[in-house]
Amino acid sequence: MSHFDDRRTFAIISHPDAGKTTLTEKLLLFGGAIHLAGEVKARGAARRARSDWMKIEQQRGISVTSSVMTFEREGITFNLLDTPGHEDFSEDTYRTLTAVDSAVMVIDVAKGIESQTRKLFEVCRLRSVPIITFVNKVDREGRPVFETLDEIAELLALDVTPMTWPVGMGGEFEGIYDLVGNRLLLPEGPSREFLGKVVEVSGLDDPKLDELLSAPGVAKLREDAELAMAGYAPFDAEAYRNGDLTPVYFGSALKEFGVDSLIAALAEHAPPPRPQPAEPAPVSPANPEVTGFVFKVQANMDPNHRDRIAFMRLCSGTFKRGMKLTPSGHGKPIAIHSPILFFARERELADEAFPGDIIGIPNHGVLRVGDTLSERPGVRFTGLPNFAPEILRRVALKDPTKTKQLRKALDDMAEEGVTQVFYPEIGSNWVIGVVGQLQLEVLLSRLEAEYKVGANLEPAPFETARWISAEDPAELKTFMDQNRSAMAKDRDDNPVFLAKSAWEVGYIADRYSKVKFAATRER
């Protein structure tokens, strides 16, 4: 077994309120990373979740920033990347999904697949990320199991394989039946939690089931489970790893049902680190040279020090503390003396790390999202896009003498991927672009808290933006001269066309057929 085969780097994707925080907490609890359930999201402000940093998160009780939690179980190291679970999610979420090898999709049994889960799922599909589905809250009233399974199959165009099955639901919930291992998980205690009571049976016909379950419960289980096993595709590891099939587990994160089966499924079926798309050629995890890419930058984790932590996904080689790596951004090697490995309880210095691991690299703005770090220059990971913003606003300063601080703040936040900044060719008002509404609140709250800059956001006369390019530089210059009032530069000096509407983008693109209008830009 090579040293990275025991790594499982995954994210949880879900709609708000589907139970992601509870499931995260229980995974860490079962993995021994935290000792007391309630540490991830305690009710009191004093025990604020470790992964919820900024003020705005504390006010709204949601995780805006994604962080990394590592736990070990039975020889496997799990790296769980937390994705912001709010409907106004940002590019941060998309990029986190570029750094994982598989994902767990959490669905609320009463609500099924909601819009945001679909959006996140589409990102996984772009990269063929394999998905295990966890249908949560079966101890509450929900929709019929077949309805949920059929919805996953139809909406997401995936084959589904139920691996476990709930015995009754809501008030009639009697436990979970493991269809693969022929085991019955039973609730215990006054609040009917799963305290580890597992009964091995020889199959659905075993008379033990009649002793343990109510007569209607066992009759329905036998009928449904037989239908399910006949009606859905059997589990196929290859189809799952290609992103064509999802194994489905039922449970209740709150009552701890099904969490064990989920960890076991990740250990057994989820892929170890996979080759990553790069130029000049994909990078295999077995490659001895150390390579990785920065998928996230977190600034000002400690407001007293203007530090930043760049989160790097290690793609190949064995990383050793103190090593020199060259960032693709500017080509000067940097020595990484104090890398951080993230364990849920505390941060500790990492002496070594393997493909699939996530390392935090403290730096002062040298590293940016999308940077490749490698032992020798010439490698560049691809597929970490910037997305065309869906909301554009002008930034108006309350105190005009603070222009310099504002520019610094906007550049910093653009570096982190909180926002994109466009500097128009005409006029002095900078335009910021975001993918989700929440990012605007994050921006204003951080300008005030971290940079002491008061600003208002005003409507911009534009609705969306496109990066422009052309094979013939003369064509590009003509276009830019003729549309000067709509031209801007992004913070890397790339030309950007600011459009009044999506319709205008189409209209202009038809008129200038030699100019390319891109809605995403590789970094």
Protein backbone atom coordinates (compact mmCIF):
# COMPACT_ATOMS: atom_id res chain seq x y z
CA MET A 1 0.00 0.00 0.00
CA SER A 2 1.57 3.31 -0.99
CA HIS A 3 1.66 6.07 1.59
CA PHE A 4 -1.29 7.93 0.07
CA ASP A 5 -3.70 5.02 -0.44
CA ASP A 6 -4.87 5.52 3.14
CA ARG A 7 -6.02 9.12 2.47
CA ARG A 8 -9.67 10.05 1.88
CA THR A 9 -10.14 13.73 1.12
CA PHE A 10 -13.82 14.59 0.85
CA ALA A 11 -16.37 17.36 1.26
CA ILE A 12 -19.97 17.35 2.41
CA ILE A 13 -22.42 19.05 0.09
CA SER A 14 -25.93 19.90 1.20
CA HIS A 15 -28.65 22.48 1.41
CA PRO A 16 -28.77 24.65 4.54
CA ASP A 17 -30.52 22.84 7.39
CA ALA A 18 -30.12 19.37 5.89
CA GLY A 19 -27.95 18.56 8.91
CA LYS A 20 -24.44 19.05 7.57
CA THR A 21 -23.01 20.63 10.74
CA THR A 22 -24.42 17.82 12.90
CA LEU A 23 -23.08 15.18 10.53
CA THR A 24 -19.64 16.86 10.47
CA GLU A 25 -19.62 16.89 14.26
CA LYS A 26 -20.60 13.20 14.50
CA LEU A 27 -17.98 12.17 11.93
CA LEU A 28 -15.33 13.95 14.01
CA LEU A 29 -16.71 12.41 17.18
CA PHE A 30 -16.69 8.88 15.72
CA GLY A 31 -13.22 9.54 14.31
CA GLY A 32 -12.00 10.55 17.78
CA ALA A 33 -11.13 14.10 16.70
CA ILE A 34 -13.47 15.72 19.19
CA HIS A 35 -14.57 14.24 22.48
CA LEU A 36 -17.79 16.02 23.15
CA ALA A 37 -20.62 16.34 20.67
CA GLY A 38 -21.55 20.00 20.53
CA GLU A 39 -18.04 21.32 20.11
CA VAL A 40 -18.53 22.07 16.43
CA LYS A 41 -21.67 24.09 16.86
CA ALA A 42 -22.41 24.74 20.49
CA ARG A 43 -25.45 26.83 21.27
CA GLY A 44 -23.60 29.36 23.44
CA ALA A 45 -21.55 32.12 21.85
CA ALA A 46 -18.62 31.23 24.11
CA ARG A 47 -18.20 27.84 22.47
CA ARG A 48 -18.48 29.20 18.98
CA ALA A 49 -17.67 26.68 16.28
CA ARG A 50 -13.96 26.48 15.61
CA SER A 51 -14.61 26.71 11.90
CA ASP A 52 -16.77 29.84 12.05
CA TRP A 53 -14.28 32.70 12.14
CA MET A 54 -15.69 35.97 11.08
CA LYS A 55 -18.05 38.28 12.91
CA ILE A 56 -20.72 37.98 10.25
CA GLU A 57 -20.75 34.21 10.72
CA GLN A 58 -21.26 34.61 14.42
CA GLN A 59 -24.19 36.96 13.90
CA ARG A 60 -25.85 34.70 11.39
CA GLY A 61 -24.81 31.34 12.80
CA ILE A 62 -23.62 29.98 9.48
CA SER A 63 -20.22 28.90 8.16
CA VAL A 64 -19.08 31.23 5.41
CA THR A 65 -15.47 30.14 5.29
CA SER A 66 -14.51 26.60 4.51
CA SER A 67 -12.02 24.93 6.77
CA VAL A 68 -10.32 21.58 7.04
CA MET A 69 -10.81 18.90 9.66
CA THR A 70 -8.64 15.80 9.79
CA PHE A 71 -9.36 12.61 11.70
CA GLU A 72 -8.02 9.08 11.67
CA ARG A 73 -9.84 5.81 12.01
CA GLU A 74 -8.62 2.25 11.62
CA GLY A 75 -5.51 3.26 9.72
CA ILE A 76 -7.27 5.64 7.32
CA THR A 77 -6.70 9.41 7.45
CA PHE A 78 -9.81 11.38 6.54
CA ASN A 79 -9.50 15.01 5.45
CA LEU A 80 -12.93 16.63 5.60
CA LEU A 81 -13.18 19.95 3.79
CA ASP A 82 -16.07 22.04 5.00
CA THR A 83 -17.99 23.83 2.25
CA PRO A 84 -20.01 26.93 3.10
CA GLY A 85 -23.58 25.68 3.29
CA HIS A 86 -25.52 28.90 2.81
CA GLU A 87 -27.66 29.60 -0.22
CA ASP A 88 -25.58 32.65 -1.09
CA PHE A 89 -22.54 30.51 -1.42
CA SER A 90 -19.46 31.86 -3.13
CA GLU A 91 -16.73 30.74 -5.46
CA ASP A 92 -14.99 29.54 -2.34
CA THR A 93 -17.39 26.60 -2.35
CA TYR A 94 -16.68 25.75 -5.97
CA ARG A 95 -12.95 25.86 -5.38
CA THR A 96 -13.12 23.70 -2.27
CA LEU A 97 -14.72 21.04 -4.46
CA THR A 98 -11.70 21.12 -6.79
CA ALA A 99 -9.53 19.99 -3.85
CA VAL A 100 -11.45 16.81 -2.91
CA ASP A 101 -11.47 13.28 -4.30
CA SER A 102 -15.07 12.49 -3.35
CA ALA A 103 -18.13 14.05 -1.73
CA VAL A 104 -20.96 13.11 0.61
CA MET A 105 -24.31 14.56 -0.41
CA VAL A 106 -26.65 15.10 2.54
CA ILE A 107 -30.38 15.19 1.80
CA ASP A 108 -33.16 15.96 4.25
CA VAL A 109 -35.65 13.08 4.02
CA ALA A 110 -38.59 15.49 4.23
CA LYS A 111 -37.36 17.89 1.54
CA GLY A 112 -35.42 15.88 -1.02
CA ILE A 113 -32.96 17.59 -3.36
CA GLU A 114 -33.00 21.37 -3.09
CA SER A 115 -31.63 23.94 -5.51
CA GLN A 116 -28.31 24.52 -3.85
CA THR A 117 -27.51 20.84 -3.56
CA ARG A 118 -28.09 20.58 -7.30
CA LYS A 119 -25.73 23.48 -7.98
CA LEU A 120 -22.99 21.86 -5.89
CA PHE A 121 -23.68 18.51 -7.49
CA GLU A 122 -23.14 20.03 -10.96
CA VAL A 123 -19.68 21.19 -9.87
CA CYS A 124 -18.87 17.65 -8.71
CA ARG A 125 -20.12 16.29 -12.02
CA LEU A 126 -17.83 18.64 -13.99
CA ARG A 127 -14.91 16.95 -12.30
CA SER A 128 -16.45 13.42 -12.12
CA VAL A 129 -16.23 13.54 -8.32
CA PRO A 130 -17.81 10.34 -6.90
CA ILE A 131 -20.71 10.92 -4.52
CA ILE A 132 -22.05 8.92 -1.57
CA THR A 133 -25.56 9.99 -0.57
CA PHE A 134 -26.66 10.25 3.06
CA VAL A 135 -30.42 10.67 3.55
CA ASN A 136 -30.71 12.35 6.94
CA LYS A 137 -33.39 12.75 9.63
CA VAL A 138 -35.19 9.42 9.05
CA ASP A 139 -36.27 9.53 12.69
CA ARG A 140 -38.65 12.32 11.65
CA GLU A 141 -41.60 12.24 9.30
CA GLY A 142 -40.39 12.27 5.70
CA ARG A 143 -41.26 11.35 2.16
CA PRO A 144 -41.48 7.70 1.12
CA VAL A 145 -38.04 6.15 0.61
CA PHE A 146 -38.74 5.16 -3.01
CA GLU A 147 -39.75 8.73 -3.83
CA THR A 148 -36.42 10.04 -2.49
CA LEU A 149 -34.39 7.43 -4.38
CA ASP A 150 -36.27 8.06 -7.64
CA GLU A 151 -35.79 11.81 -7.29
CA ILE A 152 -32.00 11.38 -6.94
CA ALA A 153 -31.96 9.11 -9.98
CA GLU A 154 -34.08 11.44 -12.13
CA LEU A 155 -32.86 14.90 -11.09
CA LEU A 156 -29.18 14.03 -11.01
CA ALA A 157 -29.18 11.39 -13.75
CA LEU A 158 -27.38 8.90 -11.49
CA ASP A 159 -27.87 5.22 -10.84
CA VAL A 160 -28.78 4.74 -7.18
CA THR A 161 -27.97 1.76 -4.97
CA PRO A 162 -29.58 1.72 -1.50
CA MET A 163 -27.02 0.23 0.90
CA THR A 164 -29.17 0.55 4.04
CA TRP A 165 -32.92 0.90 4.59
CA PRO A 166 -34.93 2.62 7.34
CA VAL A 167 -37.44 0.50 9.22
CA GLY A 168 -40.36 2.91 9.47
CA MET A 169 -39.97 6.66 9.75
CA GLY A 170 -40.84 9.45 12.17
CA GLY A 171 -42.91 8.09 15.06
CA GLU A 172 -42.75 4.59 13.57
CA PHE A 173 -38.96 4.57 13.21
CA GLU A 174 -37.58 1.26 14.54
CA GLY A 175 -34.02 1.22 13.24
CA ILE A 176 -31.88 0.84 10.13
CA TYR A 177 -31.37 -2.38 8.19
CA ASP A 178 -27.99 -2.88 6.50
CA LEU A 179 -28.83 -4.45 3.12
CA VAL A 180 -25.22 -5.33 2.36
CA GLY A 181 -24.03 -6.66 5.72
CA ASN A 182 -27.43 -8.07 6.87
CA ARG A 183 -27.35 -6.26 10.20
CA LEU A 184 -30.01 -4.43 12.11
CA LEU A 185 -29.17 -1.20 13.99
CA LEU A 186 -31.56 -0.57 16.85
CA PRO A 187 -32.43 2.55 18.87
CA GLU A 188 -31.83 2.51 22.61
CA GLY A 189 -32.39 4.74 25.63
CA PRO A 190 -35.09 7.32 26.37
CA SER A 191 -34.17 9.56 23.42
CA ARG A 192 -33.91 6.51 21.13
CA GLU A 193 -30.35 7.01 19.94
CA PHE A 194 -28.05 4.49 18.36
CA LEU A 195 -25.71 3.42 21.13
CA GLY A 196 -24.09 0.66 19.15
CA LYS A 197 -26.74 -2.07 19.35
CA VAL A 198 -26.19 -4.13 16.21
CA VAL A 199 -27.88 -7.48 15.61
CA GLU A 200 -26.41 -9.75 12.93
CA VAL A 201 -29.10 -11.60 10.96
CA SER A 202 -28.91 -14.19 8.22
CA GLY A 203 -31.07 -12.16 5.83
CA LEU A 204 -34.52 -10.63 5.54
CA ASP A 205 -36.19 -14.00 6.26
CA ASP A 206 -34.43 -14.42 9.61
CA PRO A 207 -37.08 -14.97 12.34
CA LYS A 208 -34.93 -12.82 14.66
CA LEU A 209 -36.35 -9.81 12.82
CA ASP A 210 -39.88 -10.81 13.90
CA GLU A 211 -38.77 -10.79 17.55
CA LEU A 212 -37.00 -7.42 17.30
CA LEU A 213 -39.42 -5.38 15.18
CA SER A 214 -43.17 -4.75 15.19
CA ALA A 215 -45.23 -6.94 12.85
CA PRO A 216 -46.16 -4.04 10.48
CA GLY A 217 -42.56 -2.79 10.58
CA VAL A 218 -41.02 -6.11 9.61
CA ALA A 219 -43.64 -6.81 6.92
CA LYS A 220 -43.00 -3.42 5.29
CA LEU A 221 -39.21 -3.83 5.57
CA ARG A 222 -39.30 -7.21 3.81
CA GLU A 223 -41.58 -5.98 1.05
CA ASP A 224 -39.71 -2.70 0.44
CA ALA A 225 -36.19 -4.11 0.69
CA GLU A 226 -36.96 -6.91 -1.76
CA LEU A 227 -38.47 -4.43 -4.21
CA ALA A 228 -35.47 -2.16 -3.82
CA MET A 229 -32.91 -4.90 -4.37
CA ALA A 230 -34.73 -6.01 -7.48
CA GLY A 231 -35.45 -2.51 -8.81
CA TYR A 232 -32.16 -0.61 -8.35
CA ALA A 233 -28.73 -1.29 -9.81
CA PRO A 234 -26.43 -3.43 -7.66
CA PHE A 235 -23.45 -1.52 -6.26
CA ASP A 236 -20.65 -1.21 -8.79
CA ALA A 237 -17.41 0.30 -7.43
CA GLU A 238 -16.22 1.40 -10.86
CA ALA A 239 -19.49 3.16 -11.76
CA TYR A 240 -19.39 4.92 -8.37
CA ARG A 241 -15.77 6.06 -8.83
CA ASN A 242 -16.57 7.37 -12.32
CA GLY A 243 -19.35 9.47 -10.87
CA ASP A 244 -22.18 7.49 -12.55
CA LEU A 245 -23.67 5.75 -9.50
CA THR A 246 -24.31 6.82 -5.93
CA PRO A 247 -24.61 4.40 -2.99
CA VAL A 248 -27.35 5.65 -0.63
CA TYR A 249 -27.23 5.39 3.16
CA PHE A 250 -30.11 6.32 5.46
CA GLY A 251 -29.66 7.64 8.97
CA SER A 252 -30.02 10.34 11.55
CA ALA A 253 -26.85 12.32 12.26
CA LEU A 254 -28.44 13.74 15.39
CA LYS A 255 -29.30 10.28 16.78
CA GLU A 256 -26.02 8.85 15.41
CA PHE A 257 -27.69 6.34 13.12
CA GLY A 258 -25.80 5.50 9.95
CA VAL A 259 -22.69 7.58 10.72
CA ASP A 260 -20.56 4.48 11.24
CA SER A 261 -21.75 2.96 7.97
CA LEU A 262 -20.91 6.22 6.21
CA ILE A 263 -17.31 6.29 7.54
CA ALA A 264 -16.92 2.62 6.62
CA ALA A 265 -18.22 3.36 3.09
CA LEU A 266 -15.75 6.21 2.67
CA ALA A 267 -12.91 3.98 3.86
CA GLU A 268 -13.89 1.07 1.63
CA HIS A 269 -15.25 2.69 -1.56
CA ALA A 270 -14.15 6.35 -1.78
CA PRO A 271 -11.10 6.83 -3.98
CA PRO A 272 -7.68 7.67 -2.57
CA PRO A 273 -5.97 10.72 -4.18
CA ARG A 274 -6.43 10.76 -7.93
CA PRO A 275 -4.28 12.25 -10.72
CA GLN A 276 -4.94 16.00 -11.02
CA PRO A 277 -5.45 17.89 -14.30
CA ALA A 278 -2.36 19.97 -15.06
CA GLU A 279 -0.17 21.30 -17.83
CA PRO A 280 1.95 19.97 -19.51
CA ALA A 281 0.44 16.63 -18.31
CA PRO A 282 -1.79 15.37 -15.44
CA VAL A 283 0.10 14.86 -12.18
CA SER A 284 -0.10 11.40 -10.60
CA PRO A 285 -0.02 11.16 -6.78
CA ALA A 286 2.78 8.59 -7.17
CA ASN A 287 5.04 11.21 -8.78
CA PRO A 288 7.99 11.64 -6.33
CA GLU A 289 8.22 15.43 -6.78
CA VAL A 290 6.14 17.54 -4.42
CA THR A 291 3.36 19.49 -6.13
CA GLY A 292 0.17 21.09 -4.90
CA PHE A 293 -2.22 23.95 -5.59
CA VAL A 294 -3.75 26.71 -3.48
CA PHE A 295 -7.55 26.47 -3.53
CA LYS A 296 -8.30 28.95 -0.79
CA VAL A 297 -6.72 31.84 1.06
CA GLN A 298 -7.96 32.83 4.49
CA ALA A 299 -6.90 36.31 5.58
CA ASN A 300 -6.75 37.84 9.00
CA MET A 301 -7.47 34.75 11.03
CA ASP A 302 -5.74 36.74 13.73
CA PRO A 303 -6.61 40.45 13.26
CA ASN A 304 -3.51 41.50 15.27
CA HIS A 305 -1.23 40.02 12.63
CA ARG A 306 -2.10 40.61 9.03
CA ASP A 307 -1.35 37.01 8.29
CA ARG A 308 -2.90 34.88 5.66
CA ILE A 309 -3.09 31.18 5.39
CA ALA A 310 -3.03 29.64 1.96
CA PHE A 311 -4.70 26.23 1.89
CA MET A 312 -2.75 23.90 -0.38
CA ARG A 313 -3.95 20.53 -1.60
CA LEU A 314 -0.92 18.25 -1.88
CA CYS A 315 -1.09 16.36 -5.19
CA SER A 316 2.16 14.38 -5.31
CA GLY A 317 5.36 13.64 -3.42
CA THR A 318 6.09 13.63 0.32
CA PHE A 319 6.08 17.13 1.77
CA LYS A 320 8.63 17.80 4.52
CA ARG A 321 8.65 20.84 6.77
CA GLY A 322 11.19 23.48 5.71
CA MET A 323 11.05 22.42 2.07
CA LYS A 324 11.42 25.03 -0.69
CA LEU A 325 8.59 25.19 -3.21
CA THR A 326 8.18 27.48 -6.20
CA PRO A 327 4.79 29.18 -6.71
CA SER A 328 3.64 29.48 -10.33
CA GLY A 329 2.58 33.09 -9.60
CA HIS A 330 6.05 34.62 -9.52
CA GLY A 331 8.63 31.86 -9.70
CA LYS A 332 10.71 32.69 -6.59
CA PRO A 333 11.11 29.60 -4.36
CA ILE A 334 9.74 30.00 -0.84
CA ALA A 335 10.77 27.94 2.18
CA ILE A 336 7.80 26.59 4.11
CA HIS A 337 8.96 26.64 7.73
CA SER A 338 5.70 26.55 9.65
CA PRO A 339 3.09 24.60 7.68
CA ILE A 340 -0.11 23.74 9.53
CA LEU A 341 -1.97 20.45 9.49
CA PHE A 342 -5.56 20.83 10.61
CA PHE A 343 -6.76 18.61 13.38
CA ALA A 344 -10.16 19.57 14.68
CA ARG A 345 -8.97 20.09 18.23
CA GLU A 346 -5.97 22.27 17.58
CA ARG A 347 -3.59 23.28 14.84
CA GLU A 348 -0.27 21.56 14.90
CA LEU A 349 2.88 22.00 12.86
CA ALA A 350 3.19 19.42 10.13
CA ASP A 351 6.51 17.66 9.77
CA GLU A 352 5.38 15.74 6.73
CA ALA A 353 2.29 15.34 4.59
CA PHE A 354 1.22 13.08 1.74
CA PRO A 355 -0.88 13.43 -1.41
CA GLY A 356 -4.49 14.19 -0.50
CA ASP A 357 -3.50 16.14 2.62
CA ILE A 358 -4.27 19.82 3.01
CA ILE A 359 -1.53 22.06 4.37
CA GLY A 360 -1.97 25.60 5.67
CA ILE A 361 0.89 27.89 4.63
CA PRO A 362 1.16 31.18 6.53
CA ASN A 363 2.31 33.98 4.22
CA HIS A 364 1.99 37.72 3.69
CA GLY A 365 0.06 37.84 0.47
CA VAL A 366 2.65 35.99 -1.62
CA LEU A 367 0.36 33.07 -2.43
CA ARG A 368 -2.90 33.41 -4.29
CA VAL A 369 -5.81 31.14 -5.12
CA GLY A 370 -4.97 29.05 -8.18
CA ASP A 371 -1.19 29.11 -7.59
CA THR A 372 0.62 25.85 -8.20
CA LEU A 373 3.51 25.09 -5.83
CA SER A 374 6.12 22.61 -6.96
CA GLU A 375 9.68 21.48 -6.34
CA ARG A 376 10.60 22.54 -9.83
CA PRO A 377 8.88 25.17 -11.96
CA GLY A 378 7.00 24.30 -15.14
CA VAL A 379 3.94 22.51 -13.71
CA ARG A 380 0.59 24.27 -13.59
CA PHE A 381 -2.62 22.77 -12.25
CA THR A 382 -5.69 23.64 -14.27
CA GLY A 383 -9.38 23.82 -13.52
CA LEU A 384 -9.54 26.46 -10.76
CA PRO A 385 -11.76 28.98 -12.45
CA ASN A 386 -12.89 32.49 -11.72
CA PHE A 387 -16.61 32.73 -12.44
CA ALA A 388 -18.32 35.66 -14.13
CA PRO A 389 -19.99 37.62 -11.33
CA GLU A 390 -23.77 37.61 -11.14
CA ILE A 391 -23.95 40.81 -9.06
CA LEU A 392 -21.97 43.98 -9.74
CA ARG A 393 -21.80 47.01 -7.42
CA ARG A 394 -19.89 50.28 -7.30
CA VAL A 395 -17.94 50.99 -4.14
CA ALA A 396 -18.39 54.48 -2.66
CA LEU A 397 -16.11 55.56 0.17
CA LYS A 398 -17.57 57.38 3.17
CA ASP A 399 -14.18 59.07 3.67
CA PRO A 400 -12.53 59.93 0.31
CA THR A 401 -9.04 60.13 1.92
CA LYS A 402 -9.05 56.36 2.40
CA THR A 403 -8.70 55.47 -1.28
CA LYS A 404 -5.37 53.74 -0.72
CA GLN A 405 -6.68 51.56 2.13
CA LEU A 406 -9.72 50.65 0.03
CA ARG A 407 -7.59 49.54 -2.89
CA LYS A 408 -5.44 47.41 -0.59
CA ALA A 409 -8.52 45.85 1.03
CA LEU A 410 -10.20 45.08 -2.30
CA ASP A 411 -7.02 43.58 -3.71
CA ASP A 412 -6.60 41.45 -0.57
CA MET A 413 -10.15 40.16 -0.75
CA ALA A 414 -9.95 39.53 -4.47
CA GLU A 415 -6.87 37.45 -3.73
CA GLU A 416 -8.87 35.35 -1.30
CA GLY A 417 -11.72 34.93 -3.73
CA VAL A 418 -14.25 36.83 -1.57
CA THR A 419 -14.92 39.22 -4.42
CA GLN A 420 -13.64 40.21 -7.84
CA VAL A 421 -12.52 43.78 -8.48
CA PHE A 422 -12.77 45.63 -11.79
CA TYR A 423 -11.09 48.96 -12.43
CA PRO A 424 -13.09 50.78 -15.17
CA GLU A 425 -11.20 52.58 -17.96
CA ILE A 426 -13.43 55.63 -17.54
CA GLY A 427 -14.57 57.01 -14.18
CA SER A 428 -13.02 56.50 -10.77
CA ASN A 429 -15.57 54.23 -9.09
CA TRP A 430 -14.27 50.72 -8.77
CA VAL A 431 -16.72 47.93 -9.46
CA ILE A 432 -16.83 44.76 -7.42
CA GLY A 433 -18.41 41.55 -8.64
CA VAL A 434 -19.67 38.60 -6.62
CA VAL A 435 -21.44 35.32 -7.29
CA GLY A 436 -23.77 35.44 -4.24
CA GLN A 437 -25.48 38.22 -2.26
CA LEU A 438 -23.93 37.13 1.05
CA GLN A 439 -20.47 38.03 -0.26
CA LEU A 440 -21.50 41.70 -0.32
CA GLU A 441 -22.29 41.61 3.40
CA VAL A 442 -19.03 39.81 4.09
CA LEU A 443 -17.18 42.47 2.12
CA LEU A 444 -18.69 45.47 3.96
CA SER A 445 -18.35 43.84 7.37
CA ARG A 446 -14.68 43.04 6.77
CA LEU A 447 -13.84 46.46 5.27
CA GLU A 448 -15.09 48.00 8.49
CA ALA A 449 -13.71 45.42 10.96
CA GLU A 450 -10.30 44.68 9.46
CA TYR A 451 -9.39 47.69 7.36
CA LYS A 452 -11.31 50.45 9.21
CA VAL A 453 -12.75 51.59 5.88
CA GLY A 454 -16.38 52.71 5.80
CA ALA A 455 -17.99 52.23 2.39
CA ASN A 456 -21.38 51.93 0.73
CA LEU A 457 -22.27 49.81 -2.24
CA GLU A 458 -24.21 51.51 -5.00
CA PRO A 459 -25.93 49.99 -8.02
CA ALA A 460 -23.55 49.71 -10.97
CA PRO A 461 -24.84 50.36 -14.48
CA PHE A 462 -23.69 46.84 -15.35
CA GLU A 463 -25.13 43.44 -14.65
CA THR A 464 -22.42 40.98 -15.59
CA ALA A 465 -18.84 40.77 -16.85
CA ARG A 466 -16.89 38.77 -19.43
CA TRP A 467 -13.15 38.32 -19.90
CA ILE A 468 -12.26 39.14 -23.48
CA SER A 469 -9.51 37.91 -25.76
CA ALA A 470 -8.80 37.59 -29.49
CA GLU A 471 -6.22 35.80 -31.60
CA ASP A 472 -5.48 39.03 -33.43
CA PRO A 473 -4.40 41.82 -31.04
CA ALA A 474 -5.65 44.43 -33.53
CA GLU A 475 -9.20 43.00 -33.33
CA LEU A 476 -9.08 43.24 -29.55
CA LYS A 477 -7.81 46.83 -29.64
CA THR A 478 -10.58 47.84 -32.07
CA PHE A 479 -13.20 46.31 -29.82
CA MET A 480 -11.79 47.99 -26.73
CA ASP A 481 -11.60 51.39 -28.44
CA GLN A 482 -15.18 51.14 -29.70
CA ASN A 483 -16.57 50.06 -26.31
CA ARG A 484 -14.39 52.11 -24.01
CA SER A 485 -17.18 53.09 -21.61
CA ALA A 486 -17.81 49.40 -20.85
CA MET A 487 -14.16 48.37 -20.51
CA ALA A 488 -12.36 47.58 -17.26
CA LYS A 489 -9.32 45.67 -16.06
CA ASP A 490 -9.35 42.96 -13.42
CA ARG A 491 -6.65 42.94 -10.77
CA ASP A 492 -4.30 40.99 -13.00
CA ASP A 493 -4.72 43.61 -15.75
CA ASN A 494 -6.79 41.35 -17.97
CA PRO A 495 -9.33 43.22 -20.12
CA VAL A 496 -12.95 42.80 -19.02
CA PHE A 497 -16.14 43.82 -20.80
CA LEU A 498 -18.86 45.03 -18.39
CA ALA A 499 -22.29 44.34 -19.85
CA LYS A 500 -25.63 45.92 -18.97
CA SER A 501 -27.40 42.58 -19.33
CA ALA A 502 -26.90 38.99 -20.42
CA TRP A 503 -28.79 39.92 -23.60
CA GLU A 504 -26.17 42.59 -24.36
CA VAL A 505 -23.38 40.01 -24.01
CA GLY A 506 -25.05 37.91 -26.73
CA TYR A 507 -25.70 40.90 -28.96
CA ILE A 508 -22.13 42.23 -28.73
CA ALA A 509 -20.62 38.75 -29.15
CA ASP A 510 -22.58 38.34 -32.41
CA ARG A 511 -21.32 41.69 -33.70
CA TYR A 512 -17.68 41.00 -32.85
CA SER A 513 -17.28 37.40 -33.92
CA LYS A 514 -13.45 37.48 -33.70
CA VAL A 515 -13.50 38.40 -30.01
CA LYS A 516 -13.94 35.69 -27.39
CA PHE A 517 -16.18 36.45 -24.38
CA ALA A 518 -15.42 34.07 -21.50
CA ALA A 519 -17.64 33.57 -18.44
CA THR A 520 -14.83 31.87 -16.55
CA ARG A 521 -11.15 32.51 -16.45
CA GLU A 522 -8.55 29.99 -15.42
CA ARG A 523 -6.19 31.52 -12.93
